[in-house]
Amino acid sequence: RWVEGLPQIFSLGIVVGSTGSGKAKALSQLKTAGVVHKTLGATSVKSSWPVDRAIISVIAERWQGNEAAIERLSAVGMNSVTDWKKTHRALSNGQRARAEVAAELSSGTAINHFGATVDSVEARCFAAGVAKLVHRQCLERVVLATGRQAAEVSSWAGADWVFFVSSGVLCLRGGGA
């Protein structure tokens, strides 16, 4: 199994595959192996957002303060105070995806459909921001699953490994496989 080839300690990994290729199955394998413990994405935490509170207040409450909330929102590309004051329901699909990552990203988190709701330029910025947050907060075992071209996300995220679902190839940073 490909999961056995993963480094025991890593910050960020990426699962790459087209629609229907088995990315969700790969994430399930990671969960079964205890590499990740929660998955954000299609069946994420959307329904748990209060309908009447600004996203910044929800994130600030979860992460002990406005500074932490601002850092998380900025890291995922949400830099507008106007957007921070909106409720989750009032955000666009792309903004919702980014807000959910800002609110929920922690060690052992997988993000399915990463970058699916934004264009390729925004996906690159989103990947770089998530990587920055992962490294700044010393998070471990964060996995992005994406249908985008590997280079579109992996080079910007500086991932420790990339797994190509269609070929079953696992590439480790530094050239190992």
Protein backbone atom coordinates (compact mmCIF):
# COMPACT_ATOMS: atom_id res chain seq x y z
CA ARG A 1 0.00 0.00 0.00
CA TRP A 2 1.15 3.49 -0.83
CA VAL A 3 0.42 4.77 2.70
CA GLU A 4 3.24 2.61 4.07
CA GLY A 5 5.70 4.59 1.93
CA LEU A 6 4.87 7.90 3.61
CA PRO A 7 7.39 9.51 5.93
CA GLN A 8 6.42 9.02 9.58
CA ILE A 9 6.67 12.75 10.18
CA PHE A 10 5.57 15.26 7.57
CA SER A 11 3.92 18.64 7.45
CA LEU A 12 2.10 18.67 4.12
CA GLY A 13 1.21 16.06 1.52
CA ILE A 14 -0.82 16.18 -1.68
CA VAL A 15 -3.07 13.59 -3.32
CA VAL A 16 -3.56 14.32 -7.03
CA GLY A 17 -6.13 12.77 -9.35
CA SER A 18 -8.87 13.58 -11.78
CA THR A 19 -12.56 13.36 -10.91
CA GLY A 20 -13.49 9.78 -10.05
CA SER A 21 -9.88 8.60 -9.86
CA GLY A 22 -9.96 7.58 -6.21
CA LYS A 23 -8.85 10.63 -4.25
CA ALA A 24 -11.58 10.07 -1.65
CA LYS A 25 -10.51 6.42 -1.32
CA ALA A 26 -6.89 7.55 -0.83
CA LEU A 27 -8.03 9.95 1.92
CA SER A 28 -10.01 7.13 3.51
CA GLN A 29 -6.87 4.98 3.51
CA LEU A 30 -5.00 7.80 5.25
CA LYS A 31 -7.75 8.02 7.87
CA THR A 32 -7.78 4.25 8.42
CA ALA A 33 -3.99 4.32 8.89
CA GLY A 34 -4.34 7.11 11.47
CA VAL A 35 -2.45 9.64 9.36
CA VAL A 36 -5.39 12.07 9.32
CA HIS A 37 -8.39 12.26 11.64
CA LYS A 38 -10.76 14.64 9.84
CA THR A 39 -11.58 15.61 6.28
CA LEU A 40 -12.81 18.98 5.05
CA GLY A 41 -14.49 19.28 1.67
CA ALA A 42 -17.74 18.10 0.15
CA THR A 43 -19.12 16.85 3.46
CA SER A 44 -17.39 19.32 5.72
CA VAL A 45 -18.41 21.59 8.55
CA LYS A 46 -20.62 23.98 6.53
CA SER A 47 -23.78 23.20 8.47
CA SER A 48 -22.16 23.98 11.84
CA TRP A 49 -21.61 27.67 11.00
CA PRO A 50 -23.92 30.01 12.93
CA VAL A 51 -26.31 31.75 10.55
CA ASP A 52 -26.11 35.12 12.30
CA ARG A 53 -22.40 35.57 13.16
CA ALA A 54 -19.52 37.02 11.19
CA ILE A 55 -16.94 34.47 10.12
CA ILE A 56 -14.17 36.35 11.93
CA SER A 57 -16.00 36.09 15.26
CA VAL A 58 -16.55 32.35 14.80
CA ILE A 59 -12.89 31.76 13.93
CA ALA A 60 -11.66 34.11 16.69
CA GLU A 61 -13.69 32.18 19.25
CA ARG A 62 -12.28 28.86 18.07
CA TRP A 63 -8.64 30.01 17.94
CA GLN A 64 -8.55 32.34 20.97
CA GLY A 65 -8.62 35.80 19.52
CA ASN A 66 -8.85 38.17 16.61
CA GLU A 67 -5.12 38.06 15.81
CA ALA A 68 -5.23 34.31 15.25
CA ALA A 69 -8.41 34.65 13.18
CA ILE A 70 -6.89 37.38 11.02
CA GLU A 71 -3.72 35.33 10.49
CA ARG A 72 -5.77 32.29 9.44
CA LEU A 73 -8.10 34.23 7.14
CA SER A 74 -5.18 36.09 5.55
CA ALA A 75 -3.26 32.85 5.04
CA VAL A 76 -6.10 31.42 2.97
CA GLY A 77 -6.44 34.55 0.87
CA MET A 78 -9.31 36.26 2.65
CA ASN A 79 -7.85 39.71 3.24
CA SER A 80 -10.96 41.89 3.12
CA VAL A 81 -12.39 43.20 6.39
CA THR A 82 -15.73 43.46 4.57
CA ASP A 83 -15.64 39.71 3.89
CA TRP A 84 -14.60 38.93 7.47
CA LYS A 85 -17.81 40.62 8.67
CA LYS A 86 -20.04 38.45 6.48
CA THR A 87 -21.84 35.37 7.67
CA HIS A 88 -20.81 32.04 6.18
CA ARG A 89 -24.03 31.94 4.17
CA ALA A 90 -23.27 35.33 2.55
CA LEU A 91 -19.90 34.18 1.13
CA SER A 92 -19.27 32.86 -2.37
CA ASN A 93 -18.45 29.16 -2.75
CA GLY A 94 -14.74 29.92 -3.01
CA GLN A 95 -14.83 32.15 0.05
CA ARG A 96 -16.73 29.48 2.00
CA ALA A 97 -14.10 26.88 1.15
CA ARG A 98 -11.32 29.22 2.30
CA ALA A 99 -13.19 30.22 5.49
CA GLU A 100 -13.74 26.55 6.35
CA VAL A 101 -10.03 25.85 5.99
CA ALA A 102 -9.20 28.92 8.11
CA ALA A 103 -11.58 27.74 10.82
CA GLU A 104 -10.75 24.04 10.85
CA LEU A 105 -7.14 23.52 9.73
CA SER A 106 -5.18 21.62 12.38
CA SER A 107 -2.76 18.73 12.51
CA GLY A 108 -4.21 15.56 11.00
CA THR A 109 -6.57 17.36 8.60
CA ALA A 110 -7.24 16.34 5.00
CA ILE A 111 -8.82 18.83 2.59
CA ASN A 112 -10.73 17.15 -0.22
CA HIS A 113 -11.50 19.05 -3.44
CA PHE A 114 -8.73 21.52 -2.62
CA GLY A 115 -8.85 24.47 -5.01
CA ALA A 116 -11.95 23.21 -6.81
CA THR A 117 -13.99 26.37 -6.21
CA VAL A 118 -11.34 28.88 -7.30
CA ASP A 119 -9.41 29.59 -10.50
CA SER A 120 -5.84 28.34 -10.99
CA VAL A 121 -4.18 31.59 -9.85
CA GLU A 122 -6.24 31.61 -6.66
CA ALA A 123 -5.55 27.89 -6.15
CA ARG A 124 -1.81 28.58 -6.21
CA CYS A 125 -2.18 31.43 -3.71
CA PHE A 126 -4.46 29.26 -1.55
CA ALA A 127 -1.86 26.44 -1.60
CA ALA A 128 0.98 28.82 -0.69
CA GLY A 129 -1.09 30.35 2.11
CA VAL A 130 -2.07 26.98 3.56
CA ALA A 131 1.58 25.88 3.44
CA LYS A 132 2.62 29.07 5.22
CA LEU A 133 0.02 28.50 7.93
CA VAL A 134 1.01 24.83 8.30
CA HIS A 135 4.67 25.75 8.77
CA ARG A 136 4.06 28.84 10.91
CA GLN A 137 1.86 26.87 13.30
CA CYS A 138 4.03 23.72 13.19
CA LEU A 139 1.12 21.57 12.00
CA GLU A 140 1.72 17.97 10.96
CA ARG A 141 -0.05 15.48 8.69
CA VAL A 142 -2.02 18.01 6.62
CA VAL A 143 -3.10 16.56 3.27
CA LEU A 144 -4.56 18.38 0.26
CA ALA A 145 -6.50 16.31 -2.30
CA THR A 146 -6.88 18.05 -5.63
CA GLY A 147 -8.02 17.44 -9.17
CA ARG A 148 -5.73 20.19 -10.43
CA GLN A 149 -2.47 19.50 -12.21
CA ALA A 150 0.16 18.49 -9.65
CA ALA A 151 2.47 21.38 -10.47
CA GLU A 152 -0.39 23.82 -10.08
CA VAL A 153 -0.61 23.11 -6.36
CA SER A 154 2.42 21.10 -5.22
CA SER A 155 5.12 23.54 -6.27
CA TRP A 156 3.33 26.35 -4.46
CA ALA A 157 2.66 24.30 -1.35
CA GLY A 158 6.18 22.86 -1.02
CA ALA A 159 4.70 19.48 -0.13
CA ASP A 160 6.75 16.78 1.56
CA TRP A 161 5.14 14.22 -0.74
CA VAL A 162 2.74 13.91 -3.67
CA PHE A 163 0.68 10.79 -4.42
CA PHE A 164 -0.61 10.37 -7.99
CA VAL A 165 -3.78 8.31 -7.68
CA SER A 166 -4.05 7.23 -11.34
CA SER A 167 -0.54 5.76 -11.48
CA GLY A 168 -0.16 4.82 -7.83
CA VAL A 169 3.16 6.67 -7.70
CA LEU A 170 4.27 8.32 -4.47
CA CYS A 171 6.94 11.01 -4.86
CA LEU A 172 8.80 12.14 -1.77
CA ARG A 173 10.48 15.54 -1.59
CA GLY A 174 14.15 15.02 -2.32
CA GLY A 175 13.49 12.47 -5.08
CA GLY A 176 12.55 9.35 -3.11
CA ALA A 177 9.69 7.16 -4.28
